[in-house]
Amino acid sequence: MIDNDVYMKTDLDLPGVGREWMTLDPTRVPRDFALSFAPGKNDPGGSARLINAIVTARADGSHITGTMDVTRIGSGNGINFSPGQGGTFPDSARGHTFRATLDAEGRLVSFSIPAASGMPSASLRYSDFGAVIDVTRPRGAVAAPDALYPQLGMSG
């Protein structure tokens, strides 16, 4: 996101969607969508959804361990889990373990979910808080095709 322009590029094979840089129309993204472009709502790793799925947690200094209900993570940017064959999660998904680490200022710097019960492992890492970066607009970006929005879970 640069100013009010949102850019996206994917290497996924999405029907009707190319692999070049695209500009998304923020007016077509619902304000409550987990991947939001509304000011102050950006959560690129989806960590809020992970935190909201925590069932139990125990802190030992800067390390947190516990269980989470993977079925409550939902979909959006960052970590997502899909149910297995038959469209259901195993019962163990409601008590899946996780590990998290906070930095000296109490900020989340890592969140990991180990592989178990047929579900893959997943992890997030955050760093360089407050670092000044120089972002340039991608050259040749095209308007995102109408076919993209429904594949992101948004109405066309």
N, C-alpha and C. Protein backbone atom coordinates (compact mmCIF):
# COMPACT_ATOMS: atom_id res chain seq x y z
N MET A 1 0.85 -1.16 0.00
CA MET A 1 0.00 0.00 0.00
C MET A 1 0.90 1.23 0.00
N ILE A 2 0.67 2.10 -0.94
CA ILE A 2 1.38 3.37 -1.03
C ILE A 2 0.31 4.44 -1.16
N ASP A 3 0.28 5.35 -0.20
CA ASP A 3 -0.80 6.33 -0.12
C ASP A 3 -2.12 5.57 -0.10
N ASN A 4 -3.01 5.82 -1.04
CA ASN A 4 -4.28 5.10 -1.09
C ASN A 4 -4.29 4.00 -2.14
N ASP A 5 -3.15 3.71 -2.73
CA ASP A 5 -3.07 2.68 -3.77
C ASP A 5 -2.61 1.37 -3.16
N VAL A 6 -3.33 0.30 -3.49
CA VAL A 6 -3.03 -1.03 -2.97
C VAL A 6 -2.54 -1.89 -4.12
N TYR A 7 -1.37 -2.50 -3.94
CA TYR A 7 -0.76 -3.32 -4.98
C TYR A 7 -0.72 -4.78 -4.53
N MET A 8 -0.83 -5.66 -5.50
CA MET A 8 -0.80 -7.09 -5.21
C MET A 8 -0.15 -7.82 -6.38
N LYS A 9 0.61 -8.85 -6.03
CA LYS A 9 1.20 -9.72 -7.04
C LYS A 9 1.14 -11.13 -6.48
N THR A 10 0.77 -12.08 -7.31
CA THR A 10 0.68 -13.46 -6.83
C THR A 10 1.34 -14.41 -7.82
N ASP A 11 1.88 -15.48 -7.29
CA ASP A 11 2.43 -16.54 -8.12
C ASP A 11 1.47 -17.73 -8.18
N LEU A 12 0.29 -17.56 -7.58
CA LEU A 12 -0.72 -18.63 -7.60
C LEU A 12 -1.40 -18.68 -8.96
N ASP A 13 -1.87 -19.85 -9.32
CA ASP A 13 -2.64 -20.00 -10.55
C ASP A 13 -4.10 -19.70 -10.25
N LEU A 14 -4.47 -18.45 -10.34
CA LEU A 14 -5.85 -18.03 -10.11
C LEU A 14 -6.52 -17.81 -11.45
N PRO A 15 -7.63 -18.47 -11.71
CA PRO A 15 -8.31 -18.32 -13.01
C PRO A 15 -8.63 -16.86 -13.31
N GLY A 16 -8.24 -16.42 -14.49
CA GLY A 16 -8.53 -15.06 -14.94
C GLY A 16 -7.65 -13.99 -14.34
N VAL A 17 -6.60 -14.41 -13.62
CA VAL A 17 -5.71 -13.46 -12.95
C VAL A 17 -4.29 -13.71 -13.41
N GLY A 18 -3.61 -12.66 -13.84
CA GLY A 18 -2.22 -12.80 -14.28
C GLY A 18 -1.26 -12.79 -13.11
N ARG A 19 0.01 -12.78 -13.44
CA ARG A 19 1.05 -12.78 -12.40
C ARG A 19 1.80 -11.46 -12.34
N GLU A 20 1.27 -10.44 -12.99
CA GLU A 20 1.91 -9.13 -12.94
C GLU A 20 1.39 -8.35 -11.72
N TRP A 21 2.04 -7.24 -11.44
CA TRP A 21 1.57 -6.37 -10.38
C TRP A 21 0.20 -5.83 -10.75
N MET A 22 -0.68 -5.80 -9.75
CA MET A 22 -2.04 -5.30 -9.95
C MET A 22 -2.34 -4.24 -8.90
N THR A 23 -3.21 -3.31 -9.25
CA THR A 23 -3.72 -2.37 -8.27
C THR A 23 -5.13 -2.82 -7.91
N LEU A 24 -5.39 -2.92 -6.61
CA LEU A 24 -6.72 -3.30 -6.14
C LEU A 24 -7.56 -2.05 -5.92
N ASP A 25 -8.84 -2.22 -6.07
CA ASP A 25 -9.79 -1.15 -5.82
C ASP A 25 -10.23 -1.26 -4.36
N PRO A 26 -9.74 -0.40 -3.45
CA PRO A 26 -10.08 -0.52 -2.04
C PRO A 26 -11.58 -0.40 -1.76
N THR A 27 -12.32 0.23 -2.65
CA THR A 27 -13.77 0.35 -2.43
C THR A 27 -14.47 -0.98 -2.61
N ARG A 28 -13.80 -1.94 -3.22
CA ARG A 28 -14.39 -3.27 -3.42
C ARG A 28 -14.03 -4.24 -2.30
N VAL A 29 -13.20 -3.79 -1.36
CA VAL A 29 -12.80 -4.62 -0.23
C VAL A 29 -13.64 -4.21 0.98
N PRO A 30 -14.47 -5.13 1.52
CA PRO A 30 -15.30 -4.78 2.68
C PRO A 30 -14.45 -4.34 3.86
N ARG A 31 -14.93 -3.38 4.63
CA ARG A 31 -14.17 -2.86 5.78
C ARG A 31 -13.87 -3.94 6.81
N ASP A 32 -14.75 -4.96 6.91
CA ASP A 32 -14.54 -6.00 7.91
C ASP A 32 -13.76 -7.20 7.37
N PHE A 33 -13.29 -7.12 6.13
CA PHE A 33 -12.51 -8.21 5.56
C PHE A 33 -11.20 -8.31 6.32
N ALA A 34 -10.75 -9.54 6.60
CA ALA A 34 -9.53 -9.73 7.40
C ALA A 34 -8.31 -9.07 6.76
N LEU A 35 -8.30 -8.96 5.45
CA LEU A 35 -7.25 -8.25 4.74
C LEU A 35 -7.82 -6.88 4.39
N SER A 36 -7.62 -5.93 5.27
CA SER A 36 -8.24 -4.62 5.11
C SER A 36 -7.20 -3.59 4.68
N PHE A 37 -7.64 -2.66 3.88
CA PHE A 37 -6.76 -1.57 3.47
C PHE A 37 -7.20 -0.26 4.11
N ALA A 38 -8.14 -0.35 5.06
CA ALA A 38 -8.58 0.84 5.77
C ALA A 38 -7.44 1.28 6.70
N PRO A 39 -7.21 2.60 6.81
CA PRO A 39 -6.13 3.08 7.68
C PRO A 39 -6.26 2.50 9.09
N GLY A 40 -5.15 2.01 9.64
CA GLY A 40 -5.13 1.46 10.98
C GLY A 40 -5.66 0.04 11.09
N LYS A 41 -6.06 -0.55 9.99
CA LYS A 41 -6.65 -1.90 10.02
C LYS A 41 -5.76 -2.94 9.35
N ASN A 42 -4.58 -2.58 8.91
CA ASN A 42 -3.73 -3.50 8.18
C ASN A 42 -3.05 -4.48 9.14
N ASP A 43 -3.22 -5.76 8.90
CA ASP A 43 -2.61 -6.82 9.70
C ASP A 43 -2.05 -7.84 8.72
N PRO A 44 -0.91 -7.53 8.09
CA PRO A 44 -0.42 -8.38 7.00
C PRO A 44 -0.17 -9.83 7.39
N GLY A 45 0.14 -10.11 8.62
CA GLY A 45 0.38 -11.49 9.02
C GLY A 45 -0.86 -12.19 9.52
N GLY A 46 -1.95 -11.47 9.70
CA GLY A 46 -3.16 -12.07 10.24
C GLY A 46 -3.04 -12.43 11.71
N SER A 47 -2.13 -11.76 12.43
CA SER A 47 -1.89 -12.13 13.82
C SER A 47 -3.10 -11.90 14.71
N ALA A 48 -3.95 -10.93 14.41
CA ALA A 48 -5.16 -10.72 15.23
C ALA A 48 -6.06 -11.94 15.19
N ARG A 49 -6.18 -12.56 14.01
CA ARG A 49 -7.00 -13.77 13.90
C ARG A 49 -6.39 -14.91 14.71
N LEU A 50 -5.07 -15.01 14.73
CA LEU A 50 -4.40 -16.05 15.52
C LEU A 50 -4.63 -15.83 17.01
N ILE A 51 -4.45 -14.60 17.45
CA ILE A 51 -4.62 -14.28 18.87
C ILE A 51 -6.06 -14.54 19.30
N ASN A 52 -7.02 -14.20 18.46
CA ASN A 52 -8.43 -14.43 18.80
C ASN A 52 -8.78 -15.91 18.86
N ALA A 53 -7.95 -16.78 18.30
CA ALA A 53 -8.21 -18.23 18.32
C ALA A 53 -7.54 -18.92 19.51
N ILE A 54 -6.83 -18.17 20.34
CA ILE A 54 -6.15 -18.77 21.50
C ILE A 54 -7.18 -19.23 22.53
N VAL A 55 -6.98 -20.46 23.02
CA VAL A 55 -7.86 -21.04 24.03
C VAL A 55 -7.20 -20.95 25.41
N THR A 56 -5.94 -21.36 25.49
CA THR A 56 -5.18 -21.27 26.74
C THR A 56 -3.81 -20.67 26.43
N ALA A 57 -3.25 -19.98 27.41
CA ALA A 57 -1.92 -19.40 27.22
C ALA A 57 -1.21 -19.33 28.57
N ARG A 58 0.11 -19.55 28.53
CA ARG A 58 0.94 -19.46 29.72
C ARG A 58 2.20 -18.69 29.34
N ALA A 59 2.46 -17.62 30.07
CA ALA A 59 3.63 -16.80 29.80
C ALA A 59 4.76 -17.17 30.75
N ASP A 60 5.96 -17.25 30.21
CA ASP A 60 7.17 -17.46 30.99
C ASP A 60 8.18 -16.45 30.45
N GLY A 61 8.19 -15.28 31.08
CA GLY A 61 9.01 -14.20 30.57
C GLY A 61 8.48 -13.73 29.23
N SER A 62 9.32 -13.74 28.22
CA SER A 62 8.90 -13.27 26.90
C SER A 62 8.34 -14.40 26.03
N HIS A 63 8.27 -15.60 26.58
CA HIS A 63 7.79 -16.76 25.81
C HIS A 63 6.37 -17.13 26.24
N ILE A 64 5.53 -17.40 25.28
CA ILE A 64 4.14 -17.78 25.55
C ILE A 64 3.89 -19.11 24.85
N THR A 65 3.29 -20.03 25.57
CA THR A 65 2.88 -21.30 24.99
C THR A 65 1.43 -21.53 25.35
N GLY A 66 0.77 -22.35 24.56
CA GLY A 66 -0.62 -22.64 24.87
C GLY A 66 -1.28 -23.42 23.76
N THR A 67 -2.60 -23.35 23.78
CA THR A 67 -3.39 -24.04 22.76
C THR A 67 -4.29 -23.04 22.06
N MET A 68 -4.65 -23.40 20.85
CA MET A 68 -5.54 -22.55 20.07
C MET A 68 -6.52 -23.43 19.31
N ASP A 69 -7.64 -22.84 18.95
CA ASP A 69 -8.65 -23.53 18.15
C ASP A 69 -8.43 -23.12 16.70
N VAL A 70 -7.76 -23.98 15.96
CA VAL A 70 -7.41 -23.67 14.56
C VAL A 70 -8.66 -23.41 13.73
N THR A 71 -9.79 -24.00 14.11
CA THR A 71 -11.03 -23.80 13.34
C THR A 71 -11.53 -22.37 13.44
N ARG A 72 -11.05 -21.61 14.45
CA ARG A 72 -11.49 -20.22 14.63
C ARG A 72 -10.57 -19.21 13.95
N ILE A 73 -9.49 -19.66 13.32
CA ILE A 73 -8.56 -18.72 12.68
C ILE A 73 -9.23 -18.01 11.51
N GLY A 74 -10.07 -18.71 10.78
CA GLY A 74 -10.75 -18.09 9.64
C GLY A 74 -9.80 -17.87 8.48
N SER A 75 -10.24 -17.07 7.54
CA SER A 75 -9.42 -16.82 6.36
C SER A 75 -9.13 -15.34 6.23
N GLY A 76 -8.10 -15.04 5.51
CA GLY A 76 -7.66 -13.67 5.29
C GLY A 76 -6.17 -13.71 5.00
N ASN A 77 -5.52 -12.58 5.17
CA ASN A 77 -4.09 -12.55 4.91
C ASN A 77 -3.34 -13.25 6.03
N GLY A 78 -2.14 -13.68 5.75
CA GLY A 78 -1.35 -14.37 6.75
C GLY A 78 -1.67 -15.85 6.80
N ILE A 79 -1.59 -16.42 7.98
CA ILE A 79 -1.79 -17.86 8.17
C ILE A 79 -3.26 -18.23 8.03
N ASN A 80 -3.51 -19.27 7.25
CA ASN A 80 -4.84 -19.84 7.08
C ASN A 80 -4.72 -21.36 7.14
N PHE A 81 -5.71 -22.02 7.67
CA PHE A 81 -5.77 -23.48 7.63
C PHE A 81 -7.09 -23.87 6.99
N SER A 82 -7.06 -24.89 6.16
CA SER A 82 -8.26 -25.40 5.52
C SER A 82 -8.58 -26.77 6.10
N PRO A 83 -9.88 -27.08 6.22
CA PRO A 83 -10.24 -28.41 6.71
C PRO A 83 -9.75 -29.47 5.74
N GLY A 84 -9.53 -30.66 6.26
CA GLY A 84 -9.05 -31.76 5.42
C GLY A 84 -10.14 -32.35 4.57
N GLN A 85 -9.91 -33.56 4.13
CA GLN A 85 -10.89 -34.24 3.30
C GLN A 85 -12.20 -34.36 4.07
N GLY A 86 -13.29 -34.20 3.36
CA GLY A 86 -14.60 -34.23 3.99
C GLY A 86 -15.02 -32.88 4.52
N GLY A 87 -14.15 -31.88 4.41
CA GLY A 87 -14.50 -30.52 4.81
C GLY A 87 -14.57 -30.29 6.31
N THR A 88 -13.94 -31.16 7.10
CA THR A 88 -13.96 -30.96 8.55
C THR A 88 -12.54 -31.03 9.09
N PHE A 89 -12.33 -30.30 10.17
CA PHE A 89 -11.05 -30.34 10.87
C PHE A 89 -11.05 -31.53 11.82
N PRO A 90 -9.88 -32.10 12.13
CA PRO A 90 -9.85 -33.15 13.15
C PRO A 90 -10.18 -32.54 14.52
N ASP A 91 -10.69 -33.35 15.43
CA ASP A 91 -11.03 -32.85 16.77
C ASP A 91 -9.85 -32.17 17.44
N SER A 92 -8.64 -32.66 17.16
CA SER A 92 -7.44 -32.08 17.78
C SER A 92 -7.19 -30.64 17.37
N ALA A 93 -7.82 -30.18 16.29
CA ALA A 93 -7.62 -28.80 15.83
C ALA A 93 -8.14 -27.78 16.83
N ARG A 94 -9.01 -28.20 17.73
CA ARG A 94 -9.56 -27.27 18.73
C ARG A 94 -8.64 -27.09 19.93
N GLY A 95 -7.55 -27.87 19.98
CA GLY A 95 -6.58 -27.74 21.06
C GLY A 95 -5.16 -27.84 20.54
N HIS A 96 -4.90 -27.20 19.42
CA HIS A 96 -3.60 -27.24 18.74
C HIS A 96 -2.60 -26.36 19.50
N THR A 97 -1.37 -26.82 19.65
CA THR A 97 -0.38 -26.03 20.40
C THR A 97 0.18 -24.88 19.56
N PHE A 98 0.67 -23.88 20.25
CA PHE A 98 1.35 -22.75 19.60
C PHE A 98 2.45 -22.25 20.53
N ARG A 99 3.38 -21.50 19.95
CA ARG A 99 4.44 -20.81 20.69
C ARG A 99 4.52 -19.39 20.16
N ALA A 100 4.70 -18.45 21.06
CA ALA A 100 4.86 -17.06 20.64
C ALA A 100 5.99 -16.44 21.47
N THR A 101 6.59 -15.40 20.91
CA THR A 101 7.66 -14.69 21.60
C THR A 101 7.40 -13.19 21.49
N LEU A 102 7.64 -12.48 22.59
CA LEU A 102 7.52 -11.03 22.63
C LEU A 102 8.91 -10.43 22.76
N ASP A 103 9.09 -9.21 22.24
CA ASP A 103 10.38 -8.55 22.43
C ASP A 103 10.37 -7.80 23.77
N ALA A 104 11.43 -7.07 24.06
CA ALA A 104 11.57 -6.37 25.34
C ALA A 104 10.49 -5.32 25.56
N GLU A 105 9.86 -4.86 24.47
CA GLU A 105 8.80 -3.86 24.58
C GLU A 105 7.40 -4.49 24.56
N GLY A 106 7.34 -5.82 24.60
CA GLY A 106 6.06 -6.51 24.64
C GLY A 106 5.39 -6.69 23.29
N ARG A 107 6.13 -6.47 22.21
CA ARG A 107 5.57 -6.64 20.86
C ARG A 107 5.74 -8.08 20.40
N LEU A 108 4.76 -8.58 19.70
CA LEU A 108 4.83 -9.92 19.13
C LEU A 108 5.92 -9.96 18.07
N VAL A 109 6.89 -10.86 18.22
CA VAL A 109 7.95 -10.98 17.22
C VAL A 109 7.96 -12.35 16.54
N SER A 110 7.31 -13.33 17.14
CA SER A 110 7.17 -14.62 16.46
C SER A 110 5.94 -15.35 16.97
N PHE A 111 5.35 -16.12 16.09
CA PHE A 111 4.19 -16.94 16.42
C PHE A 111 4.33 -18.19 15.58
N SER A 112 4.41 -19.35 16.22
CA SER A 112 4.58 -20.58 15.45
C SER A 112 3.57 -21.63 15.89
N ILE A 113 3.12 -22.38 14.90
CA ILE A 113 2.17 -23.46 15.09
C ILE A 113 2.82 -24.70 14.50
N PRO A 114 3.15 -25.69 15.34
CA PRO A 114 3.81 -26.89 14.81
C PRO A 114 2.85 -27.77 14.02
N ALA A 115 3.40 -28.55 13.12
CA ALA A 115 2.59 -29.50 12.36
C ALA A 115 2.05 -30.57 13.30
N ALA A 116 0.80 -30.94 13.10
CA ALA A 116 0.18 -32.01 13.90
C ALA A 116 -1.14 -32.40 13.27
N SER A 117 -1.54 -33.62 13.48
CA SER A 117 -2.85 -34.13 13.04
C SER A 117 -3.12 -33.86 11.57
N GLY A 118 -2.08 -33.97 10.76
CA GLY A 118 -2.26 -33.77 9.33
C GLY A 118 -2.26 -32.32 8.88
N MET A 119 -2.12 -31.38 9.81
CA MET A 119 -2.06 -29.97 9.45
C MET A 119 -0.60 -29.53 9.39
N PRO A 120 -0.27 -28.67 8.44
CA PRO A 120 1.12 -28.24 8.29
C PRO A 120 1.53 -27.26 9.38
N SER A 121 2.82 -27.07 9.51
CA SER A 121 3.32 -26.04 10.43
C SER A 121 3.16 -24.68 9.77
N ALA A 122 3.15 -23.65 10.61
CA ALA A 122 3.06 -22.28 10.10
C ALA A 122 3.76 -21.37 11.09
N SER A 123 4.34 -20.28 10.59
CA SER A 123 4.99 -19.34 11.49
C SER A 123 4.99 -17.93 10.91
N LEU A 124 5.02 -16.98 11.83
CA LEU A 124 5.13 -15.55 11.49
C LEU A 124 6.32 -14.99 12.24
N ARG A 125 6.98 -14.02 11.64
CA ARG A 125 8.06 -13.30 12.32
C ARG A 125 7.89 -11.82 12.00
N TYR A 126 8.05 -11.00 13.03
CA TYR A 126 7.99 -9.56 12.87
C TYR A 126 9.30 -8.96 13.35
N SER A 127 9.78 -7.92 12.66
CA SER A 127 11.04 -7.29 13.06
C SER A 127 11.09 -5.88 12.48
N ASP A 128 12.14 -5.19 12.82
CA ASP A 128 12.43 -3.85 12.28
C ASP A 128 11.31 -2.85 12.55
N PHE A 129 10.73 -2.91 13.75
CA PHE A 129 9.66 -1.99 14.11
C PHE A 129 10.15 -0.55 14.00
N GLY A 130 9.41 0.27 13.33
CA GLY A 130 9.74 1.68 13.19
C GLY A 130 10.85 1.99 12.20
N ALA A 131 11.38 0.98 11.54
CA ALA A 131 12.45 1.21 10.57
C ALA A 131 11.91 2.00 9.38
N VAL A 132 12.67 2.98 8.96
CA VAL A 132 12.29 3.77 7.80
C VAL A 132 12.62 2.97 6.54
N ILE A 133 11.66 2.85 5.66
CA ILE A 133 11.88 2.12 4.42
C ILE A 133 11.46 2.99 3.24
N ASP A 134 12.03 2.71 2.11
CA ASP A 134 11.69 3.43 0.89
C ASP A 134 10.96 2.45 -0.03
N VAL A 135 9.70 2.71 -0.26
CA VAL A 135 8.89 1.84 -1.11
C VAL A 135 8.56 2.60 -2.39
N THR A 136 8.78 1.95 -3.50
CA THR A 136 8.44 2.57 -4.78
C THR A 136 7.27 1.81 -5.41
N ARG A 137 6.50 2.53 -6.19
CA ARG A 137 5.35 1.92 -6.87
C ARG A 137 5.85 0.93 -7.91
N PRO A 138 5.22 -0.24 -7.99
CA PRO A 138 5.62 -1.20 -9.01
C PRO A 138 5.35 -0.66 -10.40
N ARG A 139 6.30 -0.79 -11.30
CA ARG A 139 6.12 -0.33 -12.67
C ARG A 139 5.19 -1.27 -13.42
N GLY A 140 4.36 -0.71 -14.26
CA GLY A 140 3.50 -1.51 -15.13
C GLY A 140 2.34 -2.19 -14.44
N ALA A 141 1.99 -1.76 -13.23
CA ALA A 141 0.85 -2.38 -12.54
C ALA A 141 -0.43 -2.15 -13.33
N VAL A 142 -1.26 -3.18 -13.39
CA VAL A 142 -2.53 -3.10 -14.11
C VAL A 142 -3.66 -3.18 -13.09
N ALA A 143 -4.83 -2.69 -13.48
CA ALA A 143 -6.00 -2.79 -12.61
C ALA A 143 -6.32 -4.27 -12.39
N ALA A 144 -6.57 -4.64 -11.15
CA ALA A 144 -6.91 -6.04 -10.84
C ALA A 144 -8.16 -6.43 -11.62
N PRO A 145 -8.14 -7.61 -12.26
CA PRO A 145 -9.31 -8.03 -13.02
C PRO A 145 -10.48 -8.38 -12.10
N ASP A 146 -11.68 -8.27 -12.62
CA ASP A 146 -12.87 -8.61 -11.85
C ASP A 146 -12.80 -10.03 -11.30
N ALA A 147 -12.13 -10.93 -12.01
CA ALA A 147 -12.03 -12.34 -11.59
C ALA A 147 -11.29 -12.50 -10.26
N LEU A 148 -10.46 -11.53 -9.88
CA LEU A 148 -9.68 -11.66 -8.66
C LEU A 148 -10.53 -11.55 -7.40
N TYR A 149 -11.43 -10.60 -7.35
CA TYR A 149 -12.16 -10.28 -6.12
C TYR A 149 -12.92 -11.47 -5.54
N PRO A 150 -13.70 -12.22 -6.32
CA PRO A 150 -14.38 -13.39 -5.74
C PRO A 150 -13.41 -14.43 -5.20
N GLN A 151 -12.22 -14.54 -5.79
CA GLN A 151 -11.23 -15.51 -5.33
C GLN A 151 -10.57 -15.08 -4.02
N LEU A 152 -10.71 -13.81 -3.68
CA LEU A 152 -10.25 -13.30 -2.39
C LEU A 152 -11.37 -13.36 -1.36
N GLY A 153 -12.52 -13.90 -1.76
CA GLY A 153 -13.66 -14.01 -0.86
C GLY A 153 -14.51 -12.76 -0.81
N MET A 154 -14.38 -11.91 -1.82
CA MET A 154 -15.15 -10.67 -1.88
C MET A 154 -16.12 -10.74 -3.04
N SER A 155 -17.22 -10.06 -2.89
CA SER A 155 -18.16 -10.02 -4.02
C SER A 155 -17.52 -9.24 -5.15
N GLY A 156 -17.90 -9.60 -6.37
CA GLY A 156 -17.33 -8.95 -7.55
C GLY A 156 -17.76 -7.56 -7.68
